Structure formats: C-alpha cells, structure tokens
Amino acid sequence: MPKVIKVYTTNYCPYCMRAKALLKQRGITFTEIEFDIRDDAKWEELYKLSKLKTVPQIFADETLIGGFAELERLDAKDQLASLK
C-alpha cells in the first residue's frame, strides 16, 4: 500500500521547492500543506507534530522523514522508492 506523504511548506522557501521537485522527479505523490510564514498558529501546530521550526517538513504515514537534506540523503541511497 502506498504511503501518505505530506510536505509542509511556506511561500518562497527554496528548500521546499527543491523537496517538491525531487519528489515529483521520483514519481512520488504527496500532499502539500503550504502556509504563510507569519501564520503563528500553523507554526505551533507543526511544532507539536515534529518539535521543529523549519520547513520543509516531510512526513510519511505521520512519521517525520525530515527536511530536504534528509530527503536528499534517502535519494542518494536509492531509498525514495520506499515512499511510493
């Protein structure tokens, strides 16, 4: 069964753009949750999920994968297929 991938992003975040592009390039379907950088309520909600205050934040089946750097490391090990 395919995993549910969620990517939390903000407007104009270069790492968010790179993460989305990599997922698309690898054929991985995801849902983007984009919010305004000034949306304190959304930041608080995200912090409760991950204990992080950065974006992108990428989740697979509610488990935090990490940000772009972690996604890139998975790709380097040919492990992104496990997200499909």
PDB file of N, CA and C in Angstrom:
ATOM      1  N   MET A   1       0.834  -1.181   0.000  1.00  0.00           N
ATOM      2  CA  MET A   1       0.000   0.000   0.000  1.00  0.00           C
ATOM      3  C   MET A   1       0.879   1.245   0.000  1.00  0.00           C
ATOM      4  N   PRO A   2       0.568   2.221  -0.860  1.00  0.00           N
ATOM      5  CA  PRO A   2       1.364   3.453  -0.913  1.00  0.00           C
ATOM      6  C   PRO A   2       1.275   4.230   0.392  1.00  0.00           C
ATOM      7  N   LYS A   3       2.357   4.880   0.730  1.00  0.00           N
ATOM      8  CA  LYS A   3       2.384   5.707   1.933  1.00  0.00           C
ATOM      9  C   LYS A   3       1.756   7.061   1.637  1.00  0.00           C
ATOM     10  N   VAL A   4       1.209   7.669   2.661  1.00  0.00           N
ATOM     11  CA  VAL A   4       0.664   9.017   2.544  1.00  0.00           C
ATOM     12  C   VAL A   4       1.784   9.989   2.879  1.00  0.00           C
ATOM     13  N   ILE A   5       2.177  10.767   1.902  1.00  0.00           N
ATOM     14  CA  ILE A   5       3.271  11.719   2.056  1.00  0.00           C
ATOM     15  C   ILE A   5       2.686  13.124   2.169  1.00  0.00           C
ATOM     16  N   LYS A   6       3.101  13.832   3.226  1.00  0.00           N
ATOM     17  CA  LYS A   6       2.698  15.221   3.413  1.00  0.00           C
ATOM     18  C   LYS A   6       3.957  16.070   3.501  1.00  0.00           C
ATOM     19  N   VAL A   7       3.922  17.199   2.807  1.00  0.00           N
ATOM     20  CA  VAL A   7       5.054  18.118   2.810  1.00  0.00           C
ATOM     21  C   VAL A   7       4.549  19.486   3.272  1.00  0.00           C
ATOM     22  N   TYR A   8       5.042  19.916   4.420  1.00  0.00           N
ATOM     23  CA  TYR A   8       4.693  21.230   4.956  1.00  0.00           C
ATOM     24  C   TYR A   8       5.684  22.243   4.406  1.00  0.00           C
ATOM     25  N   THR A   9       5.152  23.311   3.813  1.00  0.00           N
ATOM     26  CA  THR A   9       5.995  24.305   3.155  1.00  0.00           C
ATOM     27  C   THR A   9       5.511  25.715   3.469  1.00  0.00           C
ATOM     28  N   THR A  10       6.366  26.687   3.150  1.00  0.00           N
ATOM     29  CA  THR A  10       5.974  28.094   3.173  1.00  0.00           C
ATOM     30  C   THR A  10       6.266  28.685   1.805  1.00  0.00           C
ATOM     31  N   ASN A  11       5.699  29.860   1.574  1.00  0.00           N
ATOM     32  CA  ASN A  11       5.907  30.559   0.304  1.00  0.00           C
ATOM     33  C   ASN A  11       7.384  30.919   0.152  1.00  0.00           C
ATOM     34  N   TYR A  12       7.882  30.805  -1.025  1.00  0.00           N
ATOM     35  CA  TYR A  12       9.226  31.269  -1.379  1.00  0.00           C
ATOM     36  C   TYR A  12      10.360  30.587  -0.617  1.00  0.00           C
ATOM     37  N   CYS A  13      10.153  29.375  -0.188  1.00  0.00           N
ATOM     38  CA  CYS A  13      11.195  28.618   0.509  1.00  0.00           C
ATOM     39  C   CYS A  13      11.956  27.785  -0.531  1.00  0.00           C
ATOM     40  N   PRO A  14      13.236  28.073  -0.765  1.00  0.00           N
ATOM     41  CA  PRO A  14      13.965  27.337  -1.805  1.00  0.00           C
ATOM     42  C   PRO A  14      14.108  25.845  -1.503  1.00  0.00           C
ATOM     43  N   TYR A  15      14.271  25.484  -0.246  1.00  0.00           N
ATOM     44  CA  TYR A  15      14.391  24.063   0.091  1.00  0.00           C
ATOM     45  C   TYR A  15      13.061  23.344  -0.074  1.00  0.00           C
ATOM     46  N   CYS A  16      11.969  24.058   0.162  1.00  0.00           N
ATOM     47  CA  CYS A  16      10.645  23.481  -0.069  1.00  0.00           C
ATOM     48  C   CYS A  16      10.468  23.186  -1.560  1.00  0.00           C
ATOM     49  N   MET A  17      10.859  24.140  -2.381  1.00  0.00           N
ATOM     50  CA  MET A  17      10.752  23.962  -3.831  1.00  0.00           C
ATOM     51  C   MET A  17      11.599  22.783  -4.300  1.00  0.00           C
ATOM     52  N   ARG A  18      12.796  22.660  -3.754  1.00  0.00           N
ATOM     53  CA  ARG A  18      13.691  21.561  -4.142  1.00  0.00           C
ATOM     54  C   ARG A  18      13.135  20.212  -3.689  1.00  0.00           C
ATOM     55  N   ALA A  19      12.558  20.164  -2.491  1.00  0.00           N
ATOM     56  CA  ALA A  19      11.987  18.915  -1.985  1.00  0.00           C
ATOM     57  C   ALA A  19      10.812  18.472  -2.860  1.00  0.00           C
ATOM     58  N   LYS A  20       9.935  19.400  -3.188  1.00  0.00           N
ATOM     59  CA  LYS A  20       8.786  19.071  -4.036  1.00  0.00           C
ATOM     60  C   LYS A  20       9.246  18.614  -5.418  1.00  0.00           C
ATOM     61  N   ALA A  21      10.243  19.292  -5.961  1.00  0.00           N
ATOM     62  CA  ALA A  21      10.748  18.921  -7.285  1.00  0.00           C
ATOM     63  C   ALA A  21      11.349  17.514  -7.268  1.00  0.00           C
ATOM     64  N   LEU A  22      12.084  17.182  -6.214  1.00  0.00           N
ATOM     65  CA  LEU A  22      12.694  15.851  -6.119  1.00  0.00           C
ATOM     66  C   LEU A  22      11.622  14.776  -5.999  1.00  0.00           C
ATOM     67  N   LEU A  23      10.619  15.022  -5.178  1.00  0.00           N
ATOM     68  CA  LEU A  23       9.536  14.040  -5.037  1.00  0.00           C
ATOM     69  C   LEU A  23       8.823  13.835  -6.372  1.00  0.00           C
ATOM     70  N   LYS A  24       8.539  14.933  -7.074  1.00  0.00           N
ATOM     71  CA  LYS A  24       7.885  14.832  -8.386  1.00  0.00           C
ATOM     72  C   LYS A  24       8.769  14.084  -9.371  1.00  0.00           C
ATOM     73  N   GLN A  25      10.057  14.393  -9.365  1.00  0.00           N
ATOM     74  CA  GLN A  25      11.002  13.755 -10.284  1.00  0.00           C
ATOM     75  C   GLN A  25      11.037  12.242 -10.062  1.00  0.00           C
ATOM     76  N   ARG A  26      10.882  11.823  -8.824  1.00  0.00           N
ATOM     77  CA  ARG A  26      10.919  10.394  -8.486  1.00  0.00           C
ATOM     78  C   ARG A  26       9.539   9.737  -8.555  1.00  0.00           C
ATOM     79  N   GLY A  27       8.542  10.500  -8.972  1.00  0.00           N
ATOM     80  CA  GLY A  27       7.202   9.944  -9.149  1.00  0.00           C
ATOM     81  C   GLY A  27       6.474   9.647  -7.846  1.00  0.00           C
ATOM     82  N   ILE A  28       6.788  10.399  -6.811  1.00  0.00           N
ATOM     83  CA  ILE A  28       6.170  10.183  -5.509  1.00  0.00           C
ATOM     84  C   ILE A  28       5.041  11.193  -5.324  1.00  0.00           C
ATOM     85  N   THR A  29       3.849  10.671  -5.102  1.00  0.00           N
ATOM     86  CA  THR A  29       2.684  11.513  -4.891  1.00  0.00           C
ATOM     87  C   THR A  29       2.698  12.045  -3.466  1.00  0.00           C
ATOM     88  N   PHE A  30       2.394  13.325  -3.322  1.00  0.00           N
ATOM     89  CA  PHE A  30       2.391  13.929  -1.988  1.00  0.00           C
ATOM     90  C   PHE A  30       1.326  15.006  -1.914  1.00  0.00           C
ATOM     91  N   THR A  31       0.977  15.343  -0.690  1.00  0.00           N
ATOM     92  CA  THR A  31       0.081  16.453  -0.420  1.00  0.00           C
ATOM     93  C   THR A  31       0.905  17.572   0.181  1.00  0.00           C
ATOM     94  N   GLU A  32       0.755  18.752  -0.387  1.00  0.00           N
ATOM     95  CA  GLU A  32       1.478  19.910   0.134  1.00  0.00           C
ATOM     96  C   GLU A  32       0.565  20.695   1.065  1.00  0.00           C
ATOM     97  N   ILE A  33       1.079  21.006   2.231  1.00  0.00           N
ATOM     98  CA  ILE A  33       0.386  21.876   3.169  1.00  0.00           C
ATOM     99  C   ILE A  33       1.217  23.153   3.246  1.00  0.00           C
ATOM    100  N   GLU A  34       0.779  24.155   2.493  1.00  0.00           N
ATOM    101  CA  GLU A  34       1.515  25.411   2.416  1.00  0.00           C
ATOM    102  C   GLU A  34       0.850  26.440   3.318  1.00  0.00           C
ATOM    103  N   PHE A  35       1.670  27.184   4.047  1.00  0.00           N
ATOM    104  CA  PHE A  35       1.123  28.222   4.907  1.00  0.00           C
ATOM    105  C   PHE A  35       2.022  29.444   4.887  1.00  0.00           C
ATOM    106  N   ASP A  36       1.445  30.554   5.284  1.00  0.00           N
ATOM    107  CA  ASP A  36       2.172  31.813   5.309  1.00  0.00           C
ATOM    108  C   ASP A  36       3.206  31.785   6.431  1.00  0.00           C
ATOM    109  N   ILE A  37       4.350  32.321   6.163  1.00  0.00           N
ATOM    110  CA  ILE A  37       5.439  32.314   7.148  1.00  0.00           C
ATOM    111  C   ILE A  37       5.058  33.050   8.436  1.00  0.00           C
ATOM    112  N   ARG A  38       4.071  33.928   8.355  1.00  0.00           N
ATOM    113  CA  ARG A  38       3.618  34.684   9.536  1.00  0.00           C
ATOM    114  C   ARG A  38       2.458  34.012  10.274  1.00  0.00           C
ATOM    115  N   ASP A  39       2.067  32.813   9.861  1.00  0.00           N
ATOM    116  CA  ASP A  39       0.932  32.110  10.468  1.00  0.00           C
ATOM    117  C   ASP A  39       1.393  31.382  11.733  1.00  0.00           C
ATOM    118  N   ASP A  40       1.350  32.091  12.846  1.00  0.00           N
ATOM    119  CA  ASP A  40       1.843  31.539  14.117  1.00  0.00           C
ATOM    120  C   ASP A  40       1.092  30.284  14.537  1.00  0.00           C
ATOM    121  N   ALA A  41      -0.203  30.229  14.270  1.00  0.00           N
ATOM    122  CA  ALA A  41      -0.991  29.055  14.651  1.00  0.00           C
ATOM    123  C   ALA A  41      -0.522  27.817  13.893  1.00  0.00           C
ATOM    124  N   LYS A  42      -0.226  27.966  12.618  1.00  0.00           N
ATOM    125  CA  LYS A  42       0.247  26.830  11.816  1.00  0.00           C
ATOM    126  C   LYS A  42       1.635  26.392  12.273  1.00  0.00           C
ATOM    127  N   TRP A  43       2.499  27.356  12.593  1.00  0.00           N
ATOM    128  CA  TRP A  43       3.831  27.009  13.095  1.00  0.00           C
ATOM    129  C   TRP A  43       3.723  26.215  14.398  1.00  0.00           C
ATOM    130  N   GLU A  44       2.817  26.637  15.270  1.00  0.00           N
ATOM    131  CA  GLU A  44       2.621  25.944  16.545  1.00  0.00           C
ATOM    132  C   GLU A  44       2.108  24.520  16.313  1.00  0.00           C
ATOM    133  N   GLU A  45       1.175  24.382  15.387  1.00  0.00           N
ATOM    134  CA  GLU A  45       0.646  23.059  15.041  1.00  0.00           C
ATOM    135  C   GLU A  45       1.756  22.159  14.500  1.00  0.00           C
ATOM    136  N   LEU A  46       2.578  22.707  13.636  1.00  0.00           N
ATOM    137  CA  LEU A  46       3.678  21.945  13.058  1.00  0.00           C
ATOM    138  C   LEU A  46       4.703  21.568  14.117  1.00  0.00           C
ATOM    139  N   TYR A  47       4.985  22.488  15.022  1.00  0.00           N
ATOM    140  CA  TYR A  47       5.939  22.210  16.101  1.00  0.00           C
ATOM    141  C   TYR A  47       5.445  21.070  16.992  1.00  0.00           C
ATOM    142  N   LYS A  48       4.151  21.007  17.221  1.00  0.00           N
ATOM    143  CA  LYS A  48       3.583  19.920  18.028  1.00  0.00           C
ATOM    144  C   LYS A  48       3.781  18.569  17.351  1.00  0.00           C
ATOM    145  N   LEU A  49       3.777  18.561  16.033  1.00  0.00           N
ATOM    146  CA  LEU A  49       3.975  17.315  15.281  1.00  0.00           C
ATOM    147  C   LEU A  49       5.423  16.844  15.282  1.00  0.00           C
ATOM    148  N   SER A  50       6.355  17.799  15.169  1.00  0.00           N
ATOM    149  CA  SER A  50       7.740  17.411  14.891  1.00  0.00           C
ATOM    150  C   SER A  50       8.777  17.927  15.880  1.00  0.00           C
ATOM    151  N   LYS A  51       8.406  18.897  16.687  1.00  0.00           N
ATOM    152  CA  LYS A  51       9.350  19.586  17.582  1.00  0.00           C
ATOM    153  C   LYS A  51      10.402  20.367  16.795  1.00  0.00           C
ATOM    154  N   LEU A  52      10.070  20.742  15.560  1.00  0.00           N
ATOM    155  CA  LEU A  52      10.959  21.525  14.698  1.00  0.00           C
ATOM    156  C   LEU A  52      10.260  22.799  14.256  1.00  0.00           C
ATOM    157  N   LYS A  53      11.049  23.810  13.977  1.00  0.00           N
ATOM    158  CA  LYS A  53      10.511  25.080  13.487  1.00  0.00           C
ATOM    159  C   LYS A  53      11.150  25.448  12.155  1.00  0.00           C
ATOM    160  N   THR A  54      11.252  24.480  11.285  1.00  0.00           N
ATOM    161  CA  THR A  54      11.822  24.690   9.963  1.00  0.00           C
ATOM    162  C   THR A  54      10.913  24.062   8.915  1.00  0.00           C
ATOM    163  N   VAL A  55      11.090  24.474   7.685  1.00  0.00           N
ATOM    164  CA  VAL A  55      10.415  23.844   6.551  1.00  0.00           C
ATOM    165  C   VAL A  55      11.440  23.628   5.462  1.00  0.00           C
ATOM    166  N   PRO A  56      11.240  22.675   4.594  1.00  0.00           N
ATOM    167  CA  PRO A  56      10.091  21.788   4.569  1.00  0.00           C
ATOM    168  C   PRO A  56      10.176  20.743   5.673  1.00  0.00           C
ATOM    169  N   GLN A  57       9.014  20.220   6.009  1.00  0.00           N
ATOM    170  CA  GLN A  57       8.939  19.059   6.877  1.00  0.00           C
ATOM    171  C   GLN A  57       8.157  18.007   6.100  1.00  0.00           C
ATOM    172  N   ILE A  58       8.759  16.838   5.972  1.00  0.00           N
ATOM    173  CA  ILE A  58       8.192  15.783   5.144  1.00  0.00           C
ATOM    174  C   ILE A  58       7.835  14.608   6.040  1.00  0.00           C
ATOM    175  N   PHE A  59       6.571  14.190   5.932  1.00  0.00           N
ATOM    176  CA  PHE A  59       6.058  13.081   6.721  1.00  0.00           C
ATOM    177  C   PHE A  59       5.609  11.954   5.796  1.00  0.00           C
ATOM    178  N   ALA A  60       5.862  10.725   6.213  1.00  0.00           N
ATOM    179  CA  ALA A  60       5.354   9.536   5.529  1.00  0.00           C
ATOM    180  C   ALA A  60       4.520   8.762   6.541  1.00  0.00           C
ATOM    181  N   ASP A  61       3.220   8.652   6.261  1.00  0.00           N
ATOM    182  CA  ASP A  61       2.309   7.982   7.196  1.00  0.00           C
ATOM    183  C   ASP A  61       2.467   8.524   8.609  1.00  0.00           C
ATOM    184  N   GLU A  62       2.485   9.844   8.734  1.00  0.00           N
ATOM    185  CA  GLU A  62       2.556  10.543  10.026  1.00  0.00           C
ATOM    186  C   GLU A  62       3.905  10.416  10.739  1.00  0.00           C
ATOM    187  N   THR A  63       4.901   9.807  10.079  1.00  0.00           N
ATOM    188  CA  THR A  63       6.248   9.705  10.648  1.00  0.00           C
ATOM    189  C   THR A  63       7.140  10.732   9.960  1.00  0.00           C
ATOM    190  N   LEU A  64       7.824  11.531  10.738  1.00  0.00           N
ATOM    191  CA  LEU A  64       8.686  12.563  10.178  1.00  0.00           C
ATOM    192  C   LEU A  64       9.895  11.948   9.490  1.00  0.00           C
ATOM    193  N   ILE A  65      10.057  12.275   8.213  1.00  0.00           N
ATOM    194  CA  ILE A  65      11.259  11.890   7.472  1.00  0.00           C
ATOM    195  C   ILE A  65      12.341  12.925   7.736  1.00  0.00           C
ATOM    196  N   GLY A  66      11.942  14.182   7.747  1.00  0.00           N
ATOM    197  CA  GLY A  66      12.870  15.285   7.952  1.00  0.00           C
ATOM    198  C   GLY A  66      12.600  16.376   6.944  1.00  0.00           C
ATOM    199  N   GLY A  67      13.647  17.096   6.597  1.00  0.00           N
ATOM    200  CA  GLY A  67      13.548  18.169   5.623  1.00  0.00           C
ATOM    201  C   GLY A  67      14.190  17.769   4.308  1.00  0.00           C
ATOM    202  N   PHE A  68      14.609  18.772   3.552  1.00  0.00           N
ATOM    203  CA  PHE A  68      15.192  18.493   2.242  1.00  0.00           C
ATOM    204  C   PHE A  68      16.484  17.690   2.351  1.00  0.00           C
ATOM    205  N   ALA A  69      17.330  18.013   3.308  1.00  0.00           N
ATOM    206  CA  ALA A  69      18.615  17.303   3.435  1.00  0.00           C
ATOM    207  C   ALA A  69      18.389  15.810   3.670  1.00  0.00           C
ATOM    208  N   GLU A  70      17.443  15.473   4.516  1.00  0.00           N
ATOM    209  CA  GLU A  70      17.159  14.055   4.790  1.00  0.00           C
ATOM    210  C   GLU A  70      16.556  13.372   3.560  1.00  0.00           C
ATOM    211  N   LEU A  71      15.699  14.100   2.851  1.00  0.00           N
ATOM    212  CA  LEU A  71      15.116  13.561   1.622  1.00  0.00           C
ATOM    213  C   LEU A  71      16.200  13.312   0.588  1.00  0.00           C
ATOM    214  N   GLU A  72      17.132  14.237   0.469  1.00  0.00           N
ATOM    215  CA  GLU A  72      18.238  14.107  -0.479  1.00  0.00           C
ATOM    216  C   GLU A  72      19.126  12.907  -0.115  1.00  0.00           C
ATOM    217  N   ARG A  73      19.350  12.689   1.180  1.00  0.00           N
ATOM    218  CA  ARG A  73      20.147  11.526   1.612  1.00  0.00           C
ATOM    219  C   ARG A  73      19.451  10.214   1.257  1.00  0.00           C
ATOM    220  N   LEU A  74      18.136  10.161   1.444  1.00  0.00           N
ATOM    221  CA  LEU A  74      17.391   8.964   1.054  1.00  0.00           C
ATOM    222  C   LEU A  74      17.528   8.726  -0.445  1.00  0.00           C
ATOM    223  N   ASP A  75      17.438   9.790  -1.204  1.00  0.00           N
ATOM    224  CA  ASP A  75      17.561   9.665  -2.661  1.00  0.00           C
ATOM    225  C   ASP A  75      18.937   9.171  -3.054  1.00  0.00           C
ATOM    226  N   ALA A  76      19.980   9.648  -2.388  1.00  0.00           N
ATOM    227  CA  ALA A  76      21.346   9.227  -2.692  1.00  0.00           C
ATOM    228  C   ALA A  76      21.537   7.729  -2.436  1.00  0.00           C
ATOM    229  N   LYS A  77      20.754   7.189  -1.508  1.00  0.00           N
ATOM    230  CA  LYS A  77      20.827   5.758  -1.190  1.00  0.00           C
ATOM    231  C   LYS A  77      19.789   4.951  -1.970  1.00  0.00           C
ATOM    232  N   ASP A  78      19.133   5.586  -2.944  1.00  0.00           N
ATOM    233  CA  ASP A  78      18.068   4.945  -3.732  1.00  0.00           C
ATOM    234  C   ASP A  78      16.954   4.403  -2.844  1.00  0.00           C
ATOM    235  N   GLN A  79      16.628   5.129  -1.788  1.00  0.00           N
ATOM    236  CA  GLN A  79      15.584   4.669  -0.878  1.00  0.00           C
ATOM    237  C   GLN A  79      14.277   5.444  -0.996  1.00  0.00           C
ATOM    238  N   LEU A  80      14.164   6.363  -1.934  1.00  0.00           N
ATOM    239  CA  LEU A  80      12.906   7.084  -2.084  1.00  0.00           C
ATOM    240  C   LEU A  80      11.795   6.193  -2.620  1.00  0.00           C
ATOM    241  N   ALA A  81      12.147   5.120  -3.287  1.00  0.00           N
ATOM    242  CA  ALA A  81      11.125   4.200  -3.792  1.00  0.00           C
ATOM    243  C   ALA A  81      10.288   3.632  -2.646  1.00  0.00           C
ATOM    244  N   SER A  82      10.846   3.590  -1.454  1.00  0.00           N
ATOM    245  CA  SER A  82      10.090   3.064  -0.310  1.00  0.00           C
ATOM    246  C   SER A  82       8.940   3.975   0.078  1.00  0.00           C
ATOM    247  N   LEU A  83       8.921   5.198  -0.435  1.00  0.00           N
ATOM    248  CA  LEU A  83       7.840   6.128  -0.130  1.00  0.00           C
ATOM    249  C   LEU A  83       6.644   5.966  -1.052  1.00  0.00           C
ATOM    250  N   LYS A  84       6.824   5.231  -2.121  1.00  0.00           N
ATOM    251  CA  LYS A  84       5.720   5.061  -3.102  1.00  0.00           C
ATOM    252  C   LYS A  84       4.678   4.119  -2.580  1.00  0.00           C
TER     253      LYS A  84
END
